[in-house]
């Protein structure tokens, strides 16, 4: 009986150690980070987007979607939904084809003004750069939370 007690104790200690190691090695969630790249010229690559949206696009290209979303939401007043940015787009004229082009970028159009030149929408971060190159886009601004 004396011989079995130490074996039982050793067994229990080993089981406890294995359980603790498994618990300690539990994979932690990765916290998204972005590194501020300073002030490269790409912040002004698409003048219609403005500085903050150009920088968001630059962070997206350099560091990925998580980093870009983290940078964009560093201003807590800006409105987002499921990783998309709420923007107001001003166009040069009313043209239904422009709406289709925006939808092709993954845009969820919320409202269009009566004259058809102001569009409120949600757009994926990855589409910012292409949005800045569209000829019919006059100006893009971020929407604030209501």
N, C-alpha and C. Protein backbone atom coordinates (compact mmCIF):
# COMPACT_ATOMS: atom_id res chain seq x y z
N UNK A 1 0.82 -1.19 0.00
CA UNK A 1 0.00 0.00 0.00
C UNK A 1 0.87 1.26 0.00
N UNK A 2 1.99 1.17 0.70
CA UNK A 2 2.87 2.30 0.80
C UNK A 2 3.45 2.67 -0.58
N UNK A 3 3.67 1.69 -1.43
CA UNK A 3 4.24 1.90 -2.75
C UNK A 3 3.23 2.57 -3.68
N UNK A 4 1.96 2.30 -3.55
CA UNK A 4 0.94 2.85 -4.44
C UNK A 4 0.61 4.30 -4.14
N UNK A 5 0.76 4.75 -2.94
CA UNK A 5 0.44 6.14 -2.60
C UNK A 5 1.34 7.10 -3.35
N UNK A 6 2.65 6.93 -3.36
CA UNK A 6 3.48 7.85 -4.13
C UNK A 6 3.17 7.80 -5.62
N UNK A 7 2.87 6.62 -6.15
CA UNK A 7 2.54 6.53 -7.58
C UNK A 7 1.25 7.28 -7.87
N UNK A 8 0.27 7.17 -6.99
CA UNK A 8 -0.99 7.89 -7.16
C UNK A 8 -0.74 9.39 -7.08
N UNK A 9 0.08 9.81 -6.12
CA UNK A 9 0.40 11.23 -5.95
C UNK A 9 1.12 11.77 -7.19
N UNK A 10 2.09 11.00 -7.66
CA UNK A 10 2.84 11.40 -8.85
C UNK A 10 1.90 11.48 -10.05
N UNK A 11 1.01 10.53 -10.16
CA UNK A 11 0.05 10.53 -11.27
C UNK A 11 -0.85 11.76 -11.21
N UNK A 12 -1.34 12.08 -10.04
CA UNK A 12 -2.20 13.26 -9.88
C UNK A 12 -1.45 14.55 -10.19
N UNK A 13 -0.21 14.63 -9.76
CA UNK A 13 0.60 15.82 -10.05
C UNK A 13 0.84 15.95 -11.55
N UNK A 14 1.11 14.82 -12.22
CA UNK A 14 1.31 14.86 -13.67
C UNK A 14 0.04 15.26 -14.40
N UNK A 15 -1.08 14.75 -13.97
CA UNK A 15 -2.36 15.12 -14.60
C UNK A 15 -2.63 16.61 -14.40
N UNK A 16 -2.39 17.11 -13.19
CA UNK A 16 -2.58 18.53 -12.91
C UNK A 16 -1.65 19.38 -13.78
N UNK A 17 -0.40 18.95 -13.93
CA UNK A 17 0.57 19.69 -14.75
C UNK A 17 0.14 19.72 -16.20
N UNK A 18 -0.33 18.60 -16.70
CA UNK A 18 -0.79 18.53 -18.10
C UNK A 18 -1.98 19.46 -18.31
N UNK A 19 -2.91 19.45 -17.36
CA UNK A 19 -4.08 20.33 -17.46
C UNK A 19 -3.66 21.79 -17.43
N UNK A 20 -2.76 22.15 -16.54
CA UNK A 20 -2.30 23.53 -16.44
C UNK A 20 -1.57 23.95 -17.71
N UNK A 21 -0.74 23.10 -18.26
CA UNK A 21 -0.03 23.43 -19.49
C UNK A 21 -1.00 23.64 -20.64
N UNK A 22 -2.00 22.82 -20.72
CA UNK A 22 -3.02 22.98 -21.76
C UNK A 22 -3.77 24.28 -21.60
N UNK A 23 -4.03 24.67 -20.38
CA UNK A 23 -4.74 25.92 -20.11
C UNK A 23 -3.85 27.12 -20.44
N UNK A 24 -2.58 27.03 -20.06
CA UNK A 24 -1.66 28.14 -20.29
C UNK A 24 -1.41 28.33 -21.78
N UNK A 25 -1.36 27.24 -22.53
CA UNK A 25 -1.08 27.32 -23.96
C UNK A 25 -2.31 27.70 -24.78
N UNK A 26 -3.41 27.99 -24.13
CA UNK A 26 -4.62 28.38 -24.84
C UNK A 26 -4.30 29.58 -25.74
N UNK A 27 -4.67 29.49 -26.99
CA UNK A 27 -4.33 30.51 -27.96
C UNK A 27 -5.09 31.80 -27.65
N UNK A 28 -4.34 32.88 -27.55
CA UNK A 28 -4.95 34.16 -27.30
C UNK A 28 -5.35 34.80 -28.64
N UNK A 29 -6.40 35.64 -28.59
CA UNK A 29 -6.83 36.34 -29.80
C UNK A 29 -5.79 37.40 -30.16
N UNK A 30 -5.57 37.54 -31.44
CA UNK A 30 -4.62 38.54 -31.90
C UNK A 30 -5.27 39.91 -31.85
N UNK A 31 -4.60 40.85 -31.23
CA UNK A 31 -5.12 42.21 -31.13
C UNK A 31 -4.59 42.99 -32.33
N UNK A 32 -5.50 43.59 -33.12
CA UNK A 32 -5.03 44.33 -34.30
C UNK A 32 -4.26 45.59 -33.88
N UNK A 33 -3.19 45.84 -34.56
CA UNK A 33 -2.37 47.02 -34.33
C UNK A 33 -2.07 47.67 -35.66
N UNK A 34 -1.79 48.95 -35.63
CA UNK A 34 -1.28 49.59 -36.83
C UNK A 34 -0.10 50.45 -36.43
N UNK A 35 0.84 50.59 -37.32
CA UNK A 35 2.00 51.42 -37.10
C UNK A 35 1.81 52.67 -37.93
N UNK A 36 1.86 53.81 -37.27
CA UNK A 36 1.68 55.07 -37.99
C UNK A 36 2.89 55.30 -38.88
N UNK A 37 2.69 55.33 -40.20
CA UNK A 37 3.82 55.43 -41.11
C UNK A 37 4.35 56.85 -41.30
N UNK A 38 3.85 57.81 -40.54
CA UNK A 38 4.31 59.19 -40.72
C UNK A 38 3.45 59.91 -41.75
N UNK A 39 4.08 60.67 -42.63
CA UNK A 39 3.34 61.46 -43.60
C UNK A 39 3.84 61.23 -45.03
N UNK A 40 3.64 60.03 -45.56
CA UNK A 40 4.08 59.80 -46.95
C UNK A 40 3.18 60.54 -47.94
N UNK A 41 3.68 60.74 -49.14
CA UNK A 41 2.93 61.46 -50.17
C UNK A 41 1.63 60.75 -50.55
N UNK A 42 1.52 59.44 -50.25
CA UNK A 42 0.31 58.71 -50.62
C UNK A 42 -0.92 59.20 -49.87
N UNK A 43 -0.72 59.98 -48.81
CA UNK A 43 -1.89 60.54 -48.10
C UNK A 43 -2.67 61.48 -49.00
N UNK A 44 -2.01 61.98 -50.04
CA UNK A 44 -2.66 62.93 -50.92
C UNK A 44 -2.81 62.36 -52.34
N UNK A 45 -2.74 61.04 -52.45
CA UNK A 45 -2.81 60.37 -53.75
C UNK A 45 -4.14 60.63 -54.45
N UNK A 46 -5.21 60.70 -53.69
CA UNK A 46 -6.55 60.90 -54.26
C UNK A 46 -7.19 62.10 -53.56
N UNK A 47 -7.03 63.30 -54.11
CA UNK A 47 -7.51 64.51 -53.45
C UNK A 47 -9.00 64.50 -53.10
N UNK A 48 -9.81 63.75 -53.85
CA UNK A 48 -11.24 63.73 -53.55
C UNK A 48 -11.55 63.04 -52.23
N UNK A 49 -10.61 62.20 -51.74
CA UNK A 49 -10.84 61.47 -50.49
C UNK A 49 -10.51 62.29 -49.26
N UNK A 50 -9.62 63.25 -49.37
CA UNK A 50 -9.20 63.99 -48.19
C UNK A 50 -8.13 63.22 -47.43
N UNK A 51 -7.55 63.89 -46.44
CA UNK A 51 -6.39 63.36 -45.74
C UNK A 51 -6.70 62.09 -44.95
N UNK A 52 -7.75 62.08 -44.14
CA UNK A 52 -8.04 60.93 -43.27
C UNK A 52 -8.36 59.67 -44.07
N UNK A 53 -9.15 59.80 -45.11
CA UNK A 53 -9.49 58.63 -45.94
C UNK A 53 -8.29 58.16 -46.75
N UNK A 54 -7.46 59.08 -47.24
CA UNK A 54 -6.24 58.69 -47.94
C UNK A 54 -5.30 57.94 -47.00
N UNK A 55 -5.19 58.41 -45.76
CA UNK A 55 -4.32 57.72 -44.81
C UNK A 55 -4.89 56.34 -44.48
N UNK A 56 -6.20 56.25 -44.33
CA UNK A 56 -6.84 54.96 -44.08
C UNK A 56 -6.53 54.00 -45.23
N UNK A 57 -6.64 54.49 -46.46
CA UNK A 57 -6.34 53.67 -47.63
C UNK A 57 -4.87 53.24 -47.63
N UNK A 58 -3.98 54.15 -47.26
CA UNK A 58 -2.55 53.83 -47.21
C UNK A 58 -2.27 52.76 -46.15
N UNK A 59 -2.86 52.89 -44.98
CA UNK A 59 -2.67 51.90 -43.92
C UNK A 59 -3.23 50.55 -44.38
N UNK A 60 -4.36 50.56 -45.09
CA UNK A 60 -4.94 49.32 -45.62
C UNK A 60 -3.95 48.64 -46.57
N UNK A 61 -3.38 49.40 -47.48
CA UNK A 61 -2.45 48.83 -48.46
C UNK A 61 -1.17 48.31 -47.79
N UNK A 62 -0.70 49.02 -46.78
CA UNK A 62 0.58 48.66 -46.16
C UNK A 62 0.45 47.62 -45.05
N UNK A 63 -0.69 47.65 -44.30
CA UNK A 63 -0.78 46.84 -43.09
C UNK A 63 -2.03 45.98 -43.00
N UNK A 64 -2.95 46.11 -43.94
CA UNK A 64 -4.13 45.25 -43.95
C UNK A 64 -5.39 45.90 -43.38
N UNK A 65 -6.49 45.14 -43.51
CA UNK A 65 -7.80 45.66 -43.16
C UNK A 65 -7.96 45.96 -41.67
N UNK A 66 -7.48 45.08 -40.80
CA UNK A 66 -7.63 45.30 -39.36
C UNK A 66 -6.95 46.58 -38.92
N UNK A 67 -5.74 46.79 -39.41
CA UNK A 67 -4.98 47.99 -39.05
C UNK A 67 -5.67 49.24 -39.59
N UNK A 68 -6.16 49.18 -40.82
CA UNK A 68 -6.84 50.34 -41.42
C UNK A 68 -8.11 50.67 -40.66
N UNK A 69 -8.88 49.64 -40.29
CA UNK A 69 -10.12 49.88 -39.54
C UNK A 69 -9.80 50.47 -38.16
N UNK A 70 -8.74 49.97 -37.54
CA UNK A 70 -8.32 50.49 -36.24
C UNK A 70 -7.92 51.96 -36.37
N UNK A 71 -7.17 52.29 -37.41
CA UNK A 71 -6.79 53.69 -37.62
C UNK A 71 -8.03 54.55 -37.85
N UNK A 72 -8.91 54.12 -38.75
CA UNK A 72 -10.09 54.91 -39.09
C UNK A 72 -10.95 55.18 -37.86
N UNK A 73 -11.12 54.16 -37.03
CA UNK A 73 -11.98 54.32 -35.85
C UNK A 73 -11.24 54.95 -34.67
N UNK A 74 -10.00 55.39 -34.89
CA UNK A 74 -9.32 56.15 -33.83
C UNK A 74 -10.05 57.47 -33.59
N UNK A 75 -10.84 57.90 -34.55
CA UNK A 75 -11.77 59.00 -34.35
C UNK A 75 -13.11 58.37 -33.98
N UNK A 76 -13.48 58.38 -32.71
CA UNK A 76 -14.68 57.65 -32.26
C UNK A 76 -15.99 58.21 -32.79
N UNK A 77 -15.96 59.37 -33.42
CA UNK A 77 -17.19 59.96 -33.93
C UNK A 77 -17.57 59.46 -35.31
N UNK A 78 -16.65 58.79 -35.99
CA UNK A 78 -16.92 58.32 -37.35
C UNK A 78 -17.78 57.06 -37.32
N UNK A 79 -18.71 57.00 -38.26
CA UNK A 79 -19.67 55.90 -38.29
C UNK A 79 -19.16 54.74 -39.15
N UNK A 80 -19.32 53.53 -38.61
CA UNK A 80 -18.93 52.31 -39.33
C UNK A 80 -19.99 51.24 -39.10
N UNK A 81 -19.94 50.20 -39.94
CA UNK A 81 -20.85 49.06 -39.78
C UNK A 81 -20.15 47.82 -40.31
N UNK A 82 -19.90 46.86 -39.44
CA UNK A 82 -19.32 45.57 -39.82
C UNK A 82 -18.09 45.73 -40.71
N UNK A 83 -17.22 46.63 -40.36
CA UNK A 83 -15.98 46.82 -41.11
C UNK A 83 -16.08 47.76 -42.29
N UNK A 84 -17.27 48.24 -42.61
CA UNK A 84 -17.45 49.20 -43.71
C UNK A 84 -17.51 50.62 -43.14
N UNK A 85 -17.13 51.59 -43.96
CA UNK A 85 -17.11 52.99 -43.55
C UNK A 85 -18.34 53.70 -44.09
N UNK A 86 -18.97 54.51 -43.24
CA UNK A 86 -20.11 55.29 -43.72
C UNK A 86 -19.57 56.60 -44.29
N UNK A 87 -19.85 56.80 -45.58
CA UNK A 87 -19.33 57.96 -46.29
C UNK A 87 -20.43 58.72 -46.99
N UNK A 88 -20.14 59.99 -47.30
CA UNK A 88 -21.01 60.81 -48.14
C UNK A 88 -20.20 61.14 -49.39
N UNK A 89 -20.73 60.73 -50.53
CA UNK A 89 -20.03 60.93 -51.80
C UNK A 89 -20.79 61.98 -52.61
N UNK A 90 -20.05 62.98 -53.08
CA UNK A 90 -20.62 64.01 -53.96
C UNK A 90 -20.13 63.73 -55.37
N UNK A 91 -21.07 63.67 -56.32
CA UNK A 91 -20.73 63.35 -57.70
C UNK A 91 -20.92 64.57 -58.59
N UNK A 92 -20.38 64.51 -59.80
CA UNK A 92 -20.44 65.64 -60.71
C UNK A 92 -21.83 65.83 -61.32
N UNK A 93 -22.56 64.72 -61.49
CA UNK A 93 -23.90 64.82 -62.07
C UNK A 93 -24.72 63.57 -61.72
N UNK A 94 -26.00 63.65 -61.98
CA UNK A 94 -26.88 62.51 -61.73
C UNK A 94 -26.75 61.52 -62.90
N UNK A 95 -26.31 60.31 -62.58
CA UNK A 95 -26.16 59.28 -63.60
C UNK A 95 -26.37 57.92 -62.94
N UNK A 96 -27.42 57.19 -63.33
CA UNK A 96 -27.67 55.87 -62.73
C UNK A 96 -26.50 54.90 -62.88
N UNK A 97 -25.70 55.06 -63.92
CA UNK A 97 -24.53 54.19 -64.10
C UNK A 97 -23.51 54.38 -62.99
N UNK A 98 -23.45 55.60 -62.44
CA UNK A 98 -22.53 55.86 -61.33
C UNK A 98 -22.90 55.02 -60.11
N UNK A 99 -24.20 54.88 -59.86
CA UNK A 99 -24.65 54.06 -58.73
C UNK A 99 -24.25 52.60 -58.93
N UNK A 100 -24.37 52.12 -60.15
CA UNK A 100 -23.97 50.74 -60.44
C UNK A 100 -22.46 50.55 -60.28
N UNK A 101 -21.69 51.55 -60.68
CA UNK A 101 -20.24 51.49 -60.49
C UNK A 101 -19.90 51.42 -59.01
N UNK A 102 -20.59 52.22 -58.20
CA UNK A 102 -20.37 52.19 -56.75
C UNK A 102 -20.77 50.84 -56.16
N UNK A 103 -21.88 50.30 -56.60
CA UNK A 103 -22.29 48.98 -56.12
C UNK A 103 -21.25 47.91 -56.49
N UNK A 104 -20.62 48.08 -57.63
CA UNK A 104 -19.57 47.15 -58.04
C UNK A 104 -18.36 47.17 -57.11
N UNK A 105 -18.21 48.23 -56.34
CA UNK A 105 -17.13 48.33 -55.36
C UNK A 105 -17.54 47.73 -54.01
N UNK A 106 -18.76 47.20 -53.96
CA UNK A 106 -19.24 46.63 -52.70
C UNK A 106 -19.97 47.64 -51.84
N UNK A 107 -20.37 48.73 -52.43
CA UNK A 107 -21.03 49.82 -51.71
C UNK A 107 -22.48 49.48 -51.41
N UNK A 108 -22.89 49.75 -50.18
CA UNK A 108 -24.29 49.63 -49.78
C UNK A 108 -24.86 51.05 -49.75
N UNK A 109 -25.62 51.40 -50.77
CA UNK A 109 -26.15 52.76 -50.90
C UNK A 109 -27.36 52.91 -49.99
N UNK A 110 -27.29 53.93 -49.13
CA UNK A 110 -28.37 54.19 -48.18
C UNK A 110 -29.37 55.20 -48.73
N UNK A 111 -28.87 56.36 -49.16
CA UNK A 111 -29.73 57.40 -49.71
C UNK A 111 -29.05 58.11 -50.87
N UNK A 112 -29.88 58.65 -51.76
CA UNK A 112 -29.40 59.46 -52.87
C UNK A 112 -30.24 60.73 -52.86
N UNK A 113 -29.59 61.88 -52.95
CA UNK A 113 -30.31 63.15 -52.93
C UNK A 113 -31.23 63.27 -54.15
N UNK A 114 -32.17 64.19 -54.07
CA UNK A 114 -33.12 64.38 -55.16
C UNK A 114 -32.41 64.71 -56.47
N UNK A 115 -31.37 65.55 -56.39
CA UNK A 115 -30.65 65.89 -57.62
C UNK A 115 -29.65 64.79 -58.03
N UNK A 116 -29.52 63.76 -57.21
CA UNK A 116 -28.70 62.60 -57.56
C UNK A 116 -27.21 62.78 -57.40
N UNK A 117 -26.77 63.88 -56.80
CA UNK A 117 -25.34 64.14 -56.71
C UNK A 117 -24.75 63.91 -55.31
N UNK A 118 -25.58 63.58 -54.34
CA UNK A 118 -25.09 63.29 -52.99
C UNK A 118 -25.57 61.90 -52.60
N UNK A 119 -24.62 61.05 -52.27
CA UNK A 119 -24.92 59.64 -51.97
C UNK A 119 -24.37 59.31 -50.59
N UNK A 120 -25.24 58.83 -49.71
CA UNK A 120 -24.80 58.32 -48.40
C UNK A 120 -24.71 56.81 -48.53
N UNK A 121 -23.61 56.24 -48.04
CA UNK A 121 -23.40 54.81 -48.25
C UNK A 121 -22.40 54.24 -47.27
N UNK A 122 -22.37 52.91 -47.22
CA UNK A 122 -21.30 52.17 -46.53
C UNK A 122 -20.44 51.54 -47.61
N UNK A 123 -19.12 51.65 -47.44
CA UNK A 123 -18.20 51.12 -48.44
C UNK A 123 -17.07 50.37 -47.74
N UNK A 124 -16.63 49.25 -48.30
CA UNK A 124 -15.51 48.52 -47.70
C UNK A 124 -14.21 49.34 -47.75
N UNK A 125 -13.39 49.19 -46.73
CA UNK A 125 -12.11 49.92 -46.68
C UNK A 125 -11.27 49.61 -47.93
N UNK A 126 -11.31 48.39 -48.38
CA UNK A 126 -10.51 47.99 -49.53
C UNK A 126 -10.90 48.67 -50.83
N UNK A 127 -12.05 49.34 -50.85
CA UNK A 127 -12.50 50.01 -52.07
C UNK A 127 -12.17 51.51 -52.08
N UNK A 128 -11.56 52.01 -51.02
CA UNK A 128 -11.28 53.46 -50.95
C UNK A 128 -10.40 53.94 -52.09
N UNK A 129 -9.33 53.22 -52.33
CA UNK A 129 -8.39 53.65 -53.36
C UNK A 129 -9.06 53.74 -54.73
N UNK A 130 -9.85 52.73 -55.07
CA UNK A 130 -10.54 52.75 -56.36
C UNK A 130 -11.60 53.85 -56.40
N UNK A 131 -12.27 54.09 -55.27
CA UNK A 131 -13.25 55.18 -55.19
C UNK A 131 -12.59 56.51 -55.51
N UNK A 132 -11.37 56.70 -55.03
CA UNK A 132 -10.66 57.95 -55.28
C UNK A 132 -10.27 58.17 -56.72
N UNK A 133 -10.29 57.12 -57.54
CA UNK A 133 -9.89 57.26 -58.95
C UNK A 133 -11.07 57.45 -59.90
N UNK A 134 -12.30 57.35 -59.39
CA UNK A 134 -13.47 57.46 -60.27
C UNK A 134 -13.67 58.90 -60.74
N UNK A 135 -13.87 59.05 -62.04
CA UNK A 135 -13.99 60.39 -62.64
C UNK A 135 -15.21 61.16 -62.15
N UNK A 136 -16.29 60.47 -61.86
CA UNK A 136 -17.53 61.16 -61.48
C UNK A 136 -17.57 61.59 -60.01
N UNK A 137 -16.59 61.16 -59.22
CA UNK A 137 -16.57 61.51 -57.79
C UNK A 137 -15.89 62.87 -57.63
N UNK A 138 -16.63 63.81 -57.04
CA UNK A 138 -16.13 65.15 -56.79
C UNK A 138 -15.47 65.28 -55.43
N UNK A 139 -16.10 64.65 -54.42
CA UNK A 139 -15.65 64.80 -53.04
C UNK A 139 -16.21 63.65 -52.21
N UNK A 140 -15.44 63.18 -51.24
CA UNK A 140 -15.89 62.11 -50.35
C UNK A 140 -15.59 62.57 -48.92
N UNK A 141 -16.57 62.40 -48.05
CA UNK A 141 -16.35 62.76 -46.64
C UNK A 141 -16.88 61.64 -45.74
N UNK A 142 -16.29 61.55 -44.58
CA UNK A 142 -16.73 60.56 -43.59
C UNK A 142 -17.98 61.07 -42.91
N UNK A 143 -18.86 60.13 -42.58
CA UNK A 143 -20.09 60.46 -41.86
C UNK A 143 -19.88 60.28 -40.37
N UNK A 144 -20.38 61.20 -39.60
CA UNK A 144 -20.31 61.12 -38.14
C UNK A 144 -21.46 60.27 -37.61
N UNK A 145 -21.26 59.71 -36.42
CA UNK A 145 -22.34 58.95 -35.77
C UNK A 145 -23.46 59.91 -35.41
N UNK A 146 -24.67 59.38 -35.47
CA UNK A 146 -25.83 60.22 -35.14
C UNK A 146 -26.09 60.25 -33.66
